[in-house]
Amino acid sequence: MKLGNWSFRLPRARWARIGMGVGLVIGGFLGFLPVLGFWMVPVGVLVLSQDIPWVRRFRRRTELWWLRRRQARRNRG
Protein backbone atom coordinates (compact mmCIF):
# COMPACT_ATOMS: atom_id res chain seq x y z
CA MET A 1 0.00 0.00 0.00
CA LYS A 2 1.34 3.42 -0.90
CA LEU A 3 0.27 6.55 0.96
CA GLY A 4 1.93 9.73 -0.24
CA ASN A 5 5.68 9.23 0.06
CA TRP A 6 5.32 6.25 2.38
CA SER A 7 4.79 2.65 1.40
CA PHE A 8 3.63 -0.13 3.69
CA ARG A 9 3.77 -3.86 3.28
CA LEU A 10 0.49 -5.59 4.07
CA PRO A 11 -0.01 -9.31 4.65
CA ARG A 12 -0.74 -11.32 1.51
CA ALA A 13 -3.59 -13.26 3.09
CA ARG A 14 -6.96 -11.53 2.72
CA TRP A 15 -8.16 -12.69 6.14
CA ALA A 16 -5.03 -11.24 7.77
CA ARG A 17 -5.57 -7.83 6.12
CA ILE A 18 -9.22 -7.77 7.14
CA GLY A 19 -8.34 -8.82 10.69
CA MET A 20 -5.64 -6.16 10.90
CA GLY A 21 -7.99 -3.48 9.55
CA VAL A 22 -10.80 -4.39 11.95
CA GLY A 23 -8.31 -4.47 14.83
CA LEU A 24 -7.03 -1.01 13.96
CA VAL A 25 -10.54 0.44 13.73
CA ILE A 26 -11.60 -1.09 17.05
CA GLY A 27 -8.34 0.04 18.67
CA GLY A 28 -8.94 3.53 17.32
CA PHE A 29 -12.31 3.73 19.04
CA LEU A 30 -10.43 3.03 22.27
CA GLY A 31 -8.11 5.95 21.52
CA PHE A 32 -8.63 7.50 24.93
CA LEU A 33 -6.45 4.72 26.38
CA PRO A 34 -2.71 5.48 26.73
CA VAL A 35 -1.26 3.10 24.11
CA LEU A 36 -3.98 3.34 21.46
CA GLY A 37 -4.82 6.42 19.43
CA PHE A 38 -7.56 7.84 17.25
CA TRP A 39 -5.12 7.74 14.31
CA MET A 40 -5.82 4.01 14.09
CA VAL A 41 -9.35 4.51 12.66
CA PRO A 42 -8.32 6.03 9.30
CA VAL A 43 -5.40 3.62 8.97
CA GLY A 44 -7.77 0.71 9.59
CA VAL A 45 -10.17 2.04 6.95
CA LEU A 46 -7.28 2.26 4.48
CA VAL A 47 -6.32 -1.35 5.16
CA LEU A 48 -9.93 -2.53 4.88
CA SER A 49 -10.38 -0.64 1.60
CA GLN A 50 -8.01 -3.11 -0.04
CA ASP A 51 -10.54 -5.95 0.24
CA ILE A 52 -14.02 -4.60 0.96
CA PRO A 53 -15.69 -2.72 -1.93
CA TRP A 54 -18.08 -0.55 0.12
CA VAL A 55 -15.20 0.60 2.34
CA ARG A 56 -13.22 1.39 -0.82
CA ARG A 57 -16.11 3.53 -2.14
CA PHE A 58 -16.40 5.33 1.22
CA ARG A 59 -12.64 6.01 1.27
CA ARG A 60 -12.70 7.29 -2.32
CA ARG A 61 -15.69 9.60 -1.68
CA THR A 62 -13.99 10.98 1.43
CA GLU A 63 -10.74 11.47 -0.45
CA LEU A 64 -12.47 13.39 -3.27
CA TRP A 65 -14.39 15.54 -0.76
CA TRP A 66 -11.16 16.38 1.03
CA LEU A 67 -9.31 17.28 -2.20
CA ARG A 68 -12.18 19.50 -3.43
CA ARG A 69 -12.37 21.24 -0.07
CA ARG A 70 -8.62 21.82 -0.06
CA GLN A 71 -8.66 23.17 -3.61
CA ALA A 72 -11.56 25.53 -2.79
CA ARG A 73 -9.59 26.93 0.14
CA ARG A 74 -6.56 27.53 -2.07
CA ASN A 75 -8.67 29.36 -4.65
CA ARG A 76 -10.20 31.63 -2.00
CA GLY A 77 -6.99 32.92 -0.57
C-alpha atoms as a PDB file:
ATOM      1  CA  MET A   1       0.000   0.000   0.000  1.00  0.00           C
ATOM      2  CA  LYS A   2       1.337   3.422  -0.897  1.00  0.00           C
ATOM      3  CA  LEU A   3       0.273   6.549   0.964  1.00  0.00           C
ATOM      4  CA  GLY A   4       1.933   9.726  -0.238  1.00  0.00           C
ATOM      5  CA  ASN A   5       5.679   9.234   0.065  1.00  0.00           C
ATOM      6  CA  TRP A   6       5.316   6.248   2.384  1.00  0.00           C
ATOM      7  CA  SER A   7       4.788   2.654   1.397  1.00  0.00           C
ATOM      8  CA  PHE A   8       3.633  -0.131   3.686  1.00  0.00           C
ATOM      9  CA  ARG A   9       3.767  -3.856   3.280  1.00  0.00           C
ATOM     10  CA  LEU A  10       0.490  -5.590   4.067  1.00  0.00           C
ATOM     11  CA  PRO A  11      -0.014  -9.309   4.653  1.00  0.00           C
ATOM     12  CA  ARG A  12      -0.740 -11.322   1.513  1.00  0.00           C
ATOM     13  CA  ALA A  13      -3.592 -13.263   3.092  1.00  0.00           C
ATOM     14  CA  ARG A  14      -6.956 -11.528   2.720  1.00  0.00           C
ATOM     15  CA  TRP A  15      -8.159 -12.688   6.140  1.00  0.00           C
ATOM     16  CA  ALA A  16      -5.026 -11.241   7.768  1.00  0.00           C
ATOM     17  CA  ARG A  17      -5.566  -7.833   6.116  1.00  0.00           C
ATOM     18  CA  ILE A  18      -9.222  -7.770   7.144  1.00  0.00           C
ATOM     19  CA  GLY A  19      -8.340  -8.819  10.695  1.00  0.00           C
ATOM     20  CA  MET A  20      -5.637  -6.165  10.897  1.00  0.00           C
ATOM     21  CA  GLY A  21      -7.989  -3.481   9.553  1.00  0.00           C
ATOM     22  CA  VAL A  22     -10.797  -4.392  11.951  1.00  0.00           C
ATOM     23  CA  GLY A  23      -8.312  -4.471  14.832  1.00  0.00           C
ATOM     24  CA  LEU A  24      -7.030  -1.012  13.958  1.00  0.00           C
ATOM     25  CA  VAL A  25     -10.542   0.441  13.732  1.00  0.00           C
ATOM     26  CA  ILE A  26     -11.596  -1.090  17.053  1.00  0.00           C
ATOM     27  CA  GLY A  27      -8.345   0.041  18.669  1.00  0.00           C
ATOM     28  CA  GLY A  28      -8.939   3.535  17.320  1.00  0.00           C
ATOM     29  CA  PHE A  29     -12.312   3.727  19.041  1.00  0.00           C
ATOM     30  CA  LEU A  30     -10.425   3.031  22.267  1.00  0.00           C
ATOM     31  CA  GLY A  31      -8.109   5.952  21.525  1.00  0.00           C
ATOM     32  CA  PHE A  32      -8.626   7.499  24.933  1.00  0.00           C
ATOM     33  CA  LEU A  33      -6.453   4.716  26.382  1.00  0.00           C
ATOM     34  CA  PRO A  34      -2.712   5.484  26.728  1.00  0.00           C
ATOM     35  CA  VAL A  35      -1.261   3.098  24.113  1.00  0.00           C
ATOM     36  CA  LEU A  36      -3.975   3.339  21.462  1.00  0.00           C
ATOM     37  CA  GLY A  37      -4.822   6.417  19.433  1.00  0.00           C
ATOM     38  CA  PHE A  38      -7.555   7.838  17.254  1.00  0.00           C
ATOM     39  CA  TRP A  39      -5.123   7.741  14.305  1.00  0.00           C
ATOM     40  CA  MET A  40      -5.825   4.009  14.090  1.00  0.00           C
ATOM     41  CA  VAL A  41      -9.349   4.508  12.665  1.00  0.00           C
ATOM     42  CA  PRO A  42      -8.322   6.035   9.301  1.00  0.00           C
ATOM     43  CA  VAL A  43      -5.402   3.621   8.972  1.00  0.00           C
ATOM     44  CA  GLY A  44      -7.772   0.706   9.589  1.00  0.00           C
ATOM     45  CA  VAL A  45     -10.168   2.039   6.950  1.00  0.00           C
ATOM     46  CA  LEU A  46      -7.277   2.263   4.484  1.00  0.00           C
ATOM     47  CA  VAL A  47      -6.325  -1.349   5.164  1.00  0.00           C
ATOM     48  CA  LEU A  48      -9.934  -2.532   4.885  1.00  0.00           C
ATOM     49  CA  SER A  49     -10.382  -0.642   1.603  1.00  0.00           C
ATOM     50  CA  GLN A  50      -8.009  -3.114  -0.039  1.00  0.00           C
ATOM     51  CA  ASP A  51     -10.537  -5.953   0.241  1.00  0.00           C
ATOM     52  CA  ILE A  52     -14.023  -4.603   0.959  1.00  0.00           C
ATOM     53  CA  PRO A  53     -15.691  -2.721  -1.933  1.00  0.00           C
ATOM     54  CA  TRP A  54     -18.085  -0.555   0.115  1.00  0.00           C
ATOM     55  CA  VAL A  55     -15.197   0.598   2.336  1.00  0.00           C
ATOM     56  CA  ARG A  56     -13.215   1.391  -0.820  1.00  0.00           C
ATOM     57  CA  ARG A  57     -16.105   3.528  -2.140  1.00  0.00           C
ATOM     58  CA  PHE A  58     -16.401   5.331   1.215  1.00  0.00           C
ATOM     59  CA  ARG A  59     -12.643   6.014   1.265  1.00  0.00           C
ATOM     60  CA  ARG A  60     -12.704   7.292  -2.316  1.00  0.00           C
ATOM     61  CA  ARG A  61     -15.687   9.604  -1.676  1.00  0.00           C
ATOM     62  CA  THR A  62     -13.990  10.981   1.430  1.00  0.00           C
ATOM     63  CA  GLU A  63     -10.739  11.474  -0.452  1.00  0.00           C
ATOM     64  CA  LEU A  64     -12.470  13.387  -3.265  1.00  0.00           C
ATOM     65  CA  TRP A  65     -14.393  15.537  -0.755  1.00  0.00           C
ATOM     66  CA  TRP A  66     -11.156  16.382   1.030  1.00  0.00           C
ATOM     67  CA  LEU A  67      -9.315  17.279  -2.196  1.00  0.00           C
ATOM     68  CA  ARG A  68     -12.180  19.505  -3.431  1.00  0.00           C
ATOM     69  CA  ARG A  69     -12.367  21.240  -0.066  1.00  0.00           C
ATOM     70  CA  ARG A  70      -8.621  21.817  -0.061  1.00  0.00           C
ATOM     71  CA  GLN A  71      -8.664  23.167  -3.607  1.00  0.00           C
ATOM     72  CA  ALA A  72     -11.557  25.530  -2.793  1.00  0.00           C
ATOM     73  CA  ARG A  73      -9.585  26.935   0.136  1.00  0.00           C
ATOM     74  CA  ARG A  74      -6.564  27.526  -2.070  1.00  0.00           C
ATOM     75  CA  ASN A  75      -8.665  29.357  -4.650  1.00  0.00           C
ATOM     76  CA  ARG A  76     -10.198  31.626  -2.001  1.00  0.00           C
ATOM     77  CA  GLY A  77      -6.994  32.920  -0.566  1.00  0.00           C
END
